[in-house]
Amino acid sequence: MAVSEIVEQIERLTVLELNELVKTLETRFGVSAAAAPVAMVAGPGAAAPAEAVEEQTEFTAVLTGFGDKKIQVIKEVRAITGLGLKEAKDLVDGVPGNLKEGVSKEEAENIKKQIEAAGGTVEIK
């Protein structure tokens, strides 16, 4: 029997019959139909996937806008970053701009709340 004939027969099976076939093959040949890791499926020469998905631990708070309360946003930027007035104004004028990099998620969320309370917008990356 040719492989193409087997595939045609499998295509005609119902879902229940297909499930039974899989279980029978697993038992008979001592194998599992579980999905293989991506690196193995990709084949030789393929780029290996990134390390196991790691939870992001460092975030960047990016000022994306200042709304109609520019002065209040500049004051908050100064308080958050420790920049001088001119540097804080330049950062606000040049949106988007990084407020703080490499901070915890909690700190990034606090920065976002402070800027939003002043009328600006922040994106956390």
C-alpha atoms as a PDB file:
ATOM      1  CA  MET A   1       0.000   0.000   0.000  1.00  0.00           C
ATOM      2  CA  ALA A   2       1.409   3.400  -0.973  1.00  0.00           C
ATOM      3  CA  VAL A   3       1.774   6.231   1.538  1.00  0.00           C
ATOM      4  CA  SER A   4      -0.608   8.407  -0.470  1.00  0.00           C
ATOM      5  CA  GLU A   5      -3.326   5.715  -0.145  1.00  0.00           C
ATOM      6  CA  ILE A   6      -2.853   5.617   3.629  1.00  0.00           C
ATOM      7  CA  VAL A   7      -3.118   9.406   3.827  1.00  0.00           C
ATOM      8  CA  GLU A   8      -6.320   9.331   1.757  1.00  0.00           C
ATOM      9  CA  GLN A   9      -7.823   6.754   4.119  1.00  0.00           C
ATOM     10  CA  ILE A  10      -6.839   8.832   7.168  1.00  0.00           C
ATOM     11  CA  GLU A  11      -8.467  11.906   5.616  1.00  0.00           C
ATOM     12  CA  ARG A  12     -11.784  10.030   5.481  1.00  0.00           C
ATOM     13  CA  LEU A  13     -11.771   9.182   9.204  1.00  0.00           C
ATOM     14  CA  THR A  14     -14.056  10.965  11.638  1.00  0.00           C
ATOM     15  CA  VAL A  15     -12.531  12.796  14.574  1.00  0.00           C
ATOM     16  CA  LEU A  16     -13.430   9.949  16.931  1.00  0.00           C
ATOM     17  CA  GLU A  17     -11.902   7.368  14.585  1.00  0.00           C
ATOM     18  CA  LEU A  18      -8.785   9.490  14.191  1.00  0.00           C
ATOM     19  CA  ASN A  19      -8.458   9.784  17.983  1.00  0.00           C
ATOM     20  CA  GLU A  20      -8.747   6.006  18.303  1.00  0.00           C
ATOM     21  CA  LEU A  21      -6.098   5.535  15.578  1.00  0.00           C
ATOM     22  CA  VAL A  22      -3.679   7.860  17.379  1.00  0.00           C
ATOM     23  CA  LYS A  23      -4.148   6.057  20.696  1.00  0.00           C
ATOM     24  CA  THR A  24      -3.655   2.680  19.021  1.00  0.00           C
ATOM     25  CA  LEU A  25      -0.444   3.826  17.300  1.00  0.00           C
ATOM     26  CA  GLU A  26       0.878   5.283  20.553  1.00  0.00           C
ATOM     27  CA  THR A  27       0.235   2.021  22.399  1.00  0.00           C
ATOM     28  CA  ARG A  28       1.503  -0.287  19.669  1.00  0.00           C
ATOM     29  CA  PHE A  29       4.731   1.587  18.911  1.00  0.00           C
ATOM     30  CA  GLY A  30       5.399   3.093  22.342  1.00  0.00           C
ATOM     31  CA  VAL A  31       5.408   6.665  21.026  1.00  0.00           C
ATOM     32  CA  SER A  32       3.600   9.876  21.884  1.00  0.00           C
ATOM     33  CA  ALA A  33       1.739  12.183  19.518  1.00  0.00           C
ATOM     34  CA  ALA A  34       2.595  15.193  21.701  1.00  0.00           C
ATOM     35  CA  ALA A  35       4.006  18.231  19.895  1.00  0.00           C
ATOM     36  CA  ALA A  36       7.781  18.254  19.608  1.00  0.00           C
ATOM     37  CA  PRO A  37       9.842  21.235  20.751  1.00  0.00           C
ATOM     38  CA  VAL A  38      10.111  23.924  18.071  1.00  0.00           C
ATOM     39  CA  ALA A  39      13.860  23.482  17.601  1.00  0.00           C
ATOM     40  CA  MET A  40      13.371  19.834  16.667  1.00  0.00           C
ATOM     41  CA  VAL A  41      10.476  20.555  14.327  1.00  0.00           C
ATOM     42  CA  ALA A  42      12.344  23.365  12.559  1.00  0.00           C
ATOM     43  CA  GLY A  43      15.013  20.974  11.341  1.00  0.00           C
ATOM     44  CA  PRO A  44      18.756  21.301  10.958  1.00  0.00           C
ATOM     45  CA  GLY A  45      20.208  24.676  10.054  1.00  0.00           C
ATOM     46  CA  ALA A  46      17.165  26.530  11.331  1.00  0.00           C
ATOM     47  CA  ALA A  47      17.680  29.238  13.890  1.00  0.00           C
ATOM     48  CA  ALA A  48      17.193  27.969  17.405  1.00  0.00           C
ATOM     49  CA  PRO A  49      14.344  29.638  19.276  1.00  0.00           C
ATOM     50  CA  ALA A  50      15.171  32.075  22.018  1.00  0.00           C
ATOM     51  CA  GLU A  51      15.846  30.571  25.410  1.00  0.00           C
ATOM     52  CA  ALA A  52      12.757  29.400  27.206  1.00  0.00           C
ATOM     53  CA  VAL A  53      10.391  32.326  27.310  1.00  0.00           C
ATOM     54  CA  GLU A  54      11.651  34.409  30.174  1.00  0.00           C
ATOM     55  CA  GLU A  55       9.443  36.840  31.951  1.00  0.00           C
ATOM     56  CA  GLN A  56      10.567  40.372  31.309  1.00  0.00           C
ATOM     57  CA  THR A  57      12.090  41.877  34.446  1.00  0.00           C
ATOM     58  CA  GLU A  58      13.364  45.223  33.184  1.00  0.00           C
ATOM     59  CA  PHE A  59      11.088  47.782  31.608  1.00  0.00           C
ATOM     60  CA  THR A  60      11.398  51.194  30.012  1.00  0.00           C
ATOM     61  CA  ALA A  61       8.907  53.981  30.686  1.00  0.00           C
ATOM     62  CA  VAL A  62       8.511  56.011  27.489  1.00  0.00           C
ATOM     63  CA  LEU A  63       6.830  59.414  27.498  1.00  0.00           C
ATOM     64  CA  THR A  64       4.517  59.386  24.472  1.00  0.00           C
ATOM     65  CA  GLY A  65       2.588  62.621  24.940  1.00  0.00           C
ATOM     66  CA  PHE A  66       1.938  65.557  27.226  1.00  0.00           C
ATOM     67  CA  GLY A  67      -1.638  66.552  26.408  1.00  0.00           C
ATOM     68  CA  ASP A  68      -2.628  70.121  27.195  1.00  0.00           C
ATOM     69  CA  LYS A  69      -0.819  70.221  30.557  1.00  0.00           C
ATOM     70  CA  LYS A  70       2.752  70.500  29.365  1.00  0.00           C
ATOM     71  CA  ILE A  71       4.049  72.402  32.392  1.00  0.00           C
ATOM     72  CA  GLN A  72       2.665  69.837  34.856  1.00  0.00           C
ATOM     73  CA  VAL A  73       4.169  67.018  32.791  1.00  0.00           C
ATOM     74  CA  ILE A  74       7.563  68.790  32.757  1.00  0.00           C
ATOM     75  CA  LYS A  75       7.402  69.087  36.562  1.00  0.00           C
ATOM     76  CA  GLU A  76       6.668  65.355  36.899  1.00  0.00           C
ATOM     77  CA  VAL A  77       9.443  64.476  34.452  1.00  0.00           C
ATOM     78  CA  ARG A  78      11.882  66.511  36.555  1.00  0.00           C
ATOM     79  CA  ALA A  79      10.737  64.778  39.743  1.00  0.00           C
ATOM     80  CA  ILE A  80      10.993  61.299  38.189  1.00  0.00           C
ATOM     81  CA  THR A  81      14.275  61.707  36.309  1.00  0.00           C
ATOM     82  CA  GLY A  82      16.142  64.297  38.376  1.00  0.00           C
ATOM     83  CA  LEU A  83      16.801  66.313  35.212  1.00  0.00           C
ATOM     84  CA  GLY A  84      17.144  70.075  35.205  1.00  0.00           C
ATOM     85  CA  LEU A  85      14.366  72.277  33.860  1.00  0.00           C
ATOM     86  CA  LYS A  86      15.862  72.664  30.374  1.00  0.00           C
ATOM     87  CA  GLU A  87      16.609  68.931  30.005  1.00  0.00           C
ATOM     88  CA  ALA A  88      13.131  67.960  31.225  1.00  0.00           C
ATOM     89  CA  LYS A  89      11.529  70.464  28.840  1.00  0.00           C
ATOM     90  CA  ASP A  90      13.621  69.115  25.953  1.00  0.00           C
ATOM     91  CA  LEU A  91      12.535  65.559  26.803  1.00  0.00           C
ATOM     92  CA  VAL A  92       8.867  66.571  26.857  1.00  0.00           C
ATOM     93  CA  ASP A  93       9.212  68.598  23.633  1.00  0.00           C
ATOM     94  CA  GLY A  94      10.893  65.658  21.900  1.00  0.00           C
ATOM     95  CA  VAL A  95       8.285  62.983  22.633  1.00  0.00           C
ATOM     96  CA  PRO A  96       8.538  60.059  22.440  1.00  0.00           C
ATOM     97  CA  GLY A  97      11.411  59.826  24.873  1.00  0.00           C
ATOM     98  CA  ASN A  98      12.596  57.393  27.531  1.00  0.00           C
ATOM     99  CA  LEU A  99      11.898  58.560  31.064  1.00  0.00           C
ATOM    100  CA  LYS A 100      13.634  55.650  32.792  1.00  0.00           C
ATOM    101  CA  GLU A 101      15.194  52.465  31.469  1.00  0.00           C
ATOM    102  CA  GLY A 102      15.835  49.129  33.161  1.00  0.00           C
ATOM    103  CA  VAL A 103      13.300  49.619  35.938  1.00  0.00           C
ATOM    104  CA  SER A 104      10.993  47.085  37.580  1.00  0.00           C
ATOM    105  CA  LYS A 105       7.446  46.681  36.323  1.00  0.00           C
ATOM    106  CA  GLU A 106       6.167  48.192  39.572  1.00  0.00           C
ATOM    107  CA  GLU A 107       8.354  51.305  39.190  1.00  0.00           C
ATOM    108  CA  ALA A 108       7.365  51.657  35.520  1.00  0.00           C
ATOM    109  CA  GLU A 109       3.679  51.454  36.502  1.00  0.00           C
ATOM    110  CA  ASN A 110       4.215  54.122  39.190  1.00  0.00           C
ATOM    111  CA  ILE A 111       5.897  56.416  36.648  1.00  0.00           C
ATOM    112  CA  LYS A 112       2.995  55.875  34.266  1.00  0.00           C
ATOM    113  CA  LYS A 113       0.484  56.783  36.995  1.00  0.00           C
ATOM    114  CA  GLN A 114       2.416  59.943  37.927  1.00  0.00           C
ATOM    115  CA  ILE A 115       2.665  61.180  34.347  1.00  0.00           C
ATOM    116  CA  GLU A 116      -0.961  60.330  33.569  1.00  0.00           C
ATOM    117  CA  ALA A 117      -2.082  62.194  36.705  1.00  0.00           C
ATOM    118  CA  ALA A 118      -0.226  65.236  35.353  1.00  0.00           C
ATOM    119  CA  GLY A 119      -1.978  64.895  31.973  1.00  0.00           C
ATOM    120  CA  GLY A 120       0.662  63.052  29.936  1.00  0.00           C
ATOM    121  CA  THR A 121       0.804  59.590  28.436  1.00  0.00           C
ATOM    122  CA  VAL A 122       3.382  56.858  29.000  1.00  0.00           C
ATOM    123  CA  GLU A 123       4.007  53.540  27.300  1.00  0.00           C
ATOM    124  CA  ILE A 124       5.797  50.733  29.126  1.00  0.00           C
ATOM    125  CA  LYS A 125       8.111  48.597  27.026  1.00  0.00           C
END
